[in-house]
Amino acid sequence: MKKRLTSFILILSFQAQGASLQPSIHSCQAYSALSRQLNCDKSSYINRFGKRYCQIYLNQSHRGVYSPSTVHTLNGIRYCLQDMLLEEPDLTCANAQDKALRHHIQCYRQSNFCSLSLYEKVKIFYVVQNEIFDSRFRQVIGLINNFCRQAH
């Protein structure tokens, strides 16, 4: 109950400011709103990774980079990641990365990422190739790939 009330208050406060703490398949504004709410700086995970890559994938989807089935999958992942982060209790700028990385595995699973062709998966991972130096990111990619191998 307390969690829902807090979420409701946050949503109302940001609707008044023009930003939305609502997950969306069409927008990445939830990251901006959340970053402002938590007072995160530009180097925070929410801005540097969440908002940045959300916007890149959204832009590429609009430009026709991906197949229709991949766009559908990316829309599901986008919505799921925003939703799960917004529902995360005790979220801070400092702990957002650890919480969000765990969400990636579940969101990729439930959005049918594993059913995409290898070519489409490579295009998706190509976007985030510079993150490969982060050991936590590599672990998440490994877990997603292991799940896909087991699912087929």
Protein backbone atom coordinates (compact mmCIF):
# COMPACT_ATOMS: atom_id res chain seq x y z
CA MET A 1 0.00 0.00 0.00
CA LYS A 2 2.80 2.42 0.94
CA LYS A 3 4.64 1.58 -2.30
CA ARG A 4 1.54 2.30 -4.41
CA LEU A 5 0.86 5.57 -2.57
CA THR A 6 4.46 6.70 -3.08
CA SER A 7 4.26 5.81 -6.78
CA PHE A 8 0.97 7.68 -7.10
CA ILE A 9 2.42 10.81 -5.46
CA LEU A 10 5.51 10.65 -7.70
CA ILE A 11 3.36 10.30 -10.80
CA LEU A 12 1.20 13.27 -9.83
CA SER A 13 4.19 15.48 -9.06
CA PHE A 14 5.80 14.76 -12.42
CA GLN A 15 2.63 15.08 -14.45
CA ALA A 16 2.45 18.59 -13.12
CA GLN A 17 5.99 19.20 -14.44
CA GLY A 18 5.30 17.66 -17.85
CA ALA A 19 7.40 14.55 -17.30
CA SER A 20 5.90 11.15 -16.75
CA LEU A 21 6.82 8.39 -14.37
CA GLN A 22 4.81 6.01 -16.52
CA PRO A 23 6.48 3.23 -18.51
CA SER A 24 5.95 3.50 -22.25
CA ILE A 25 6.80 1.62 -25.43
CA HIS A 26 6.83 4.96 -27.29
CA SER A 27 9.03 7.05 -25.02
CA CYS A 28 11.99 7.04 -22.67
CA GLN A 29 10.68 9.95 -20.59
CA ALA A 30 10.30 7.77 -17.50
CA TYR A 31 14.10 7.74 -17.18
CA SER A 32 14.27 11.55 -17.31
CA ALA A 33 11.48 11.90 -14.78
CA LEU A 34 13.01 9.31 -12.47
CA SER A 35 16.44 10.92 -12.74
CA ARG A 36 15.00 14.30 -11.76
CA GLN A 37 13.00 12.76 -8.92
CA LEU A 38 16.07 11.06 -7.49
CA ASN A 39 18.32 14.03 -8.31
CA CYS A 40 20.76 11.89 -10.29
CA ASP A 41 23.67 13.45 -12.13
CA LYS A 42 24.39 12.87 -15.82
CA SER A 43 26.87 10.10 -15.07
CA SER A 44 24.31 8.01 -13.16
CA TYR A 45 23.21 4.66 -14.56
CA ILE A 46 19.70 5.99 -15.17
CA ASN A 47 21.03 8.69 -17.51
CA ARG A 48 24.22 7.15 -18.86
CA PHE A 49 22.77 3.72 -19.63
CA GLY A 50 19.00 3.50 -19.15
CA LYS A 51 17.88 6.69 -20.85
CA ARG A 52 20.68 6.70 -23.40
CA TYR A 53 20.18 3.19 -24.74
CA CYS A 54 16.41 3.37 -24.47
CA GLN A 55 16.50 6.40 -26.78
CA ILE A 56 18.98 4.81 -29.21
CA TYR A 57 16.85 1.68 -29.60
CA LEU A 58 13.69 3.78 -29.93
CA ASN A 59 15.28 5.96 -32.64
CA GLN A 60 16.62 2.95 -34.52
CA SER A 61 13.22 1.28 -34.37
CA HIS A 62 11.65 4.36 -35.96
CA ARG A 63 14.33 4.42 -38.68
CA GLY A 64 13.59 0.84 -39.73
CA VAL A 65 16.86 -0.68 -38.51
CA TYR A 66 15.03 -3.70 -37.07
CA SER A 67 12.47 -6.15 -38.38
CA PRO A 68 8.86 -5.73 -37.21
CA SER A 69 9.21 -8.68 -34.81
CA THR A 70 12.36 -7.15 -33.33
CA VAL A 71 10.63 -3.78 -32.90
CA HIS A 72 7.83 -5.59 -31.06
CA THR A 73 10.41 -7.31 -28.82
CA LEU A 74 12.26 -4.06 -28.15
CA ASN A 75 8.97 -2.35 -27.28
CA GLY A 76 8.29 -5.08 -24.73
CA ILE A 77 11.79 -4.83 -23.28
CA ARG A 78 11.55 -1.02 -23.12
CA TYR A 79 8.24 -1.07 -21.28
CA CYS A 80 9.32 -3.85 -18.92
CA LEU A 81 12.62 -2.19 -17.96
CA GLN A 82 10.95 1.13 -17.23
CA ASP A 83 8.11 -0.51 -15.32
CA MET A 84 10.35 -2.66 -13.16
CA LEU A 85 12.69 0.22 -12.33
CA LEU A 86 9.77 2.49 -11.41
CA GLU A 87 8.35 -0.23 -9.15
CA GLU A 88 11.67 -0.82 -7.40
CA PRO A 89 11.42 0.03 -3.69
CA ASP A 90 14.21 2.12 -2.19
CA LEU A 91 15.66 3.00 -5.59
CA THR A 92 18.55 5.47 -5.52
CA CYS A 93 20.93 6.81 -8.13
CA ALA A 94 23.66 4.70 -6.53
CA ASN A 95 21.83 1.35 -6.57
CA ALA A 96 19.93 1.76 -9.85
CA GLN A 97 22.50 -0.16 -11.93
CA ASP A 98 22.45 -3.29 -9.80
CA LYS A 99 18.66 -3.30 -9.66
CA ALA A 100 18.23 -2.59 -13.38
CA LEU A 101 20.72 -5.21 -14.54
CA ARG A 102 18.72 -7.90 -12.76
CA HIS A 103 15.61 -6.64 -14.56
CA HIS A 104 17.23 -7.07 -17.96
CA ILE A 105 17.22 -10.84 -17.69
CA GLN A 106 13.53 -11.05 -16.86
CA CYS A 107 12.52 -8.42 -19.41
CA TYR A 108 14.45 -10.07 -22.23
CA ARG A 109 12.91 -13.43 -21.32
CA GLN A 110 9.31 -12.25 -21.21
CA SER A 111 9.65 -10.14 -24.39
CA ASN A 112 10.61 -13.15 -26.54
CA PHE A 113 14.15 -12.00 -27.21
CA CYS A 114 15.25 -15.62 -27.60
CA SER A 115 12.95 -16.13 -30.58
CA LEU A 116 14.71 -13.44 -32.63
CA SER A 117 17.13 -14.43 -35.37
CA LEU A 118 20.84 -14.38 -34.61
CA TYR A 119 21.19 -11.47 -37.04
CA GLU A 120 18.64 -9.38 -35.11
CA LYS A 121 20.24 -10.26 -31.76
CA VAL A 122 23.64 -9.19 -33.06
CA LYS A 123 22.17 -5.85 -34.21
CA ILE A 124 20.70 -5.32 -30.74
CA PHE A 125 23.94 -6.16 -28.91
CA TYR A 126 26.03 -4.14 -31.37
CA VAL A 127 24.45 -0.97 -29.97
CA VAL A 128 25.79 -1.67 -26.47
CA GLN A 129 29.15 -3.12 -27.51
CA ASN A 130 31.12 -0.49 -25.58
CA GLU A 131 29.57 -1.73 -22.32
CA ILE A 132 31.33 -5.09 -22.69
CA PHE A 133 34.12 -3.84 -20.43
CA ASP A 134 31.72 -3.78 -17.47
CA SER A 135 31.85 -7.20 -15.79
CA ARG A 136 28.26 -6.90 -14.51
CA PHE A 137 27.04 -6.18 -18.03
CA ARG A 138 28.93 -9.20 -19.39
CA GLN A 139 27.38 -11.38 -16.71
CA VAL A 140 23.85 -10.24 -17.65
CA ILE A 141 24.51 -10.85 -21.36
CA GLY A 142 25.83 -14.31 -20.47
CA LEU A 143 22.72 -15.11 -18.43
CA ILE A 144 20.42 -13.96 -21.23
CA ASN A 145 22.32 -16.05 -23.76
CA ASN A 146 22.31 -19.10 -21.47
CA PHE A 147 18.55 -18.79 -21.06
CA CYS A 148 18.11 -18.60 -24.82
CA ARG A 149 20.26 -21.70 -25.36
CA GLN A 150 18.21 -23.63 -22.80
CA ALA A 151 14.93 -22.42 -24.27
CA HIS A 152 15.72 -23.87 -27.71
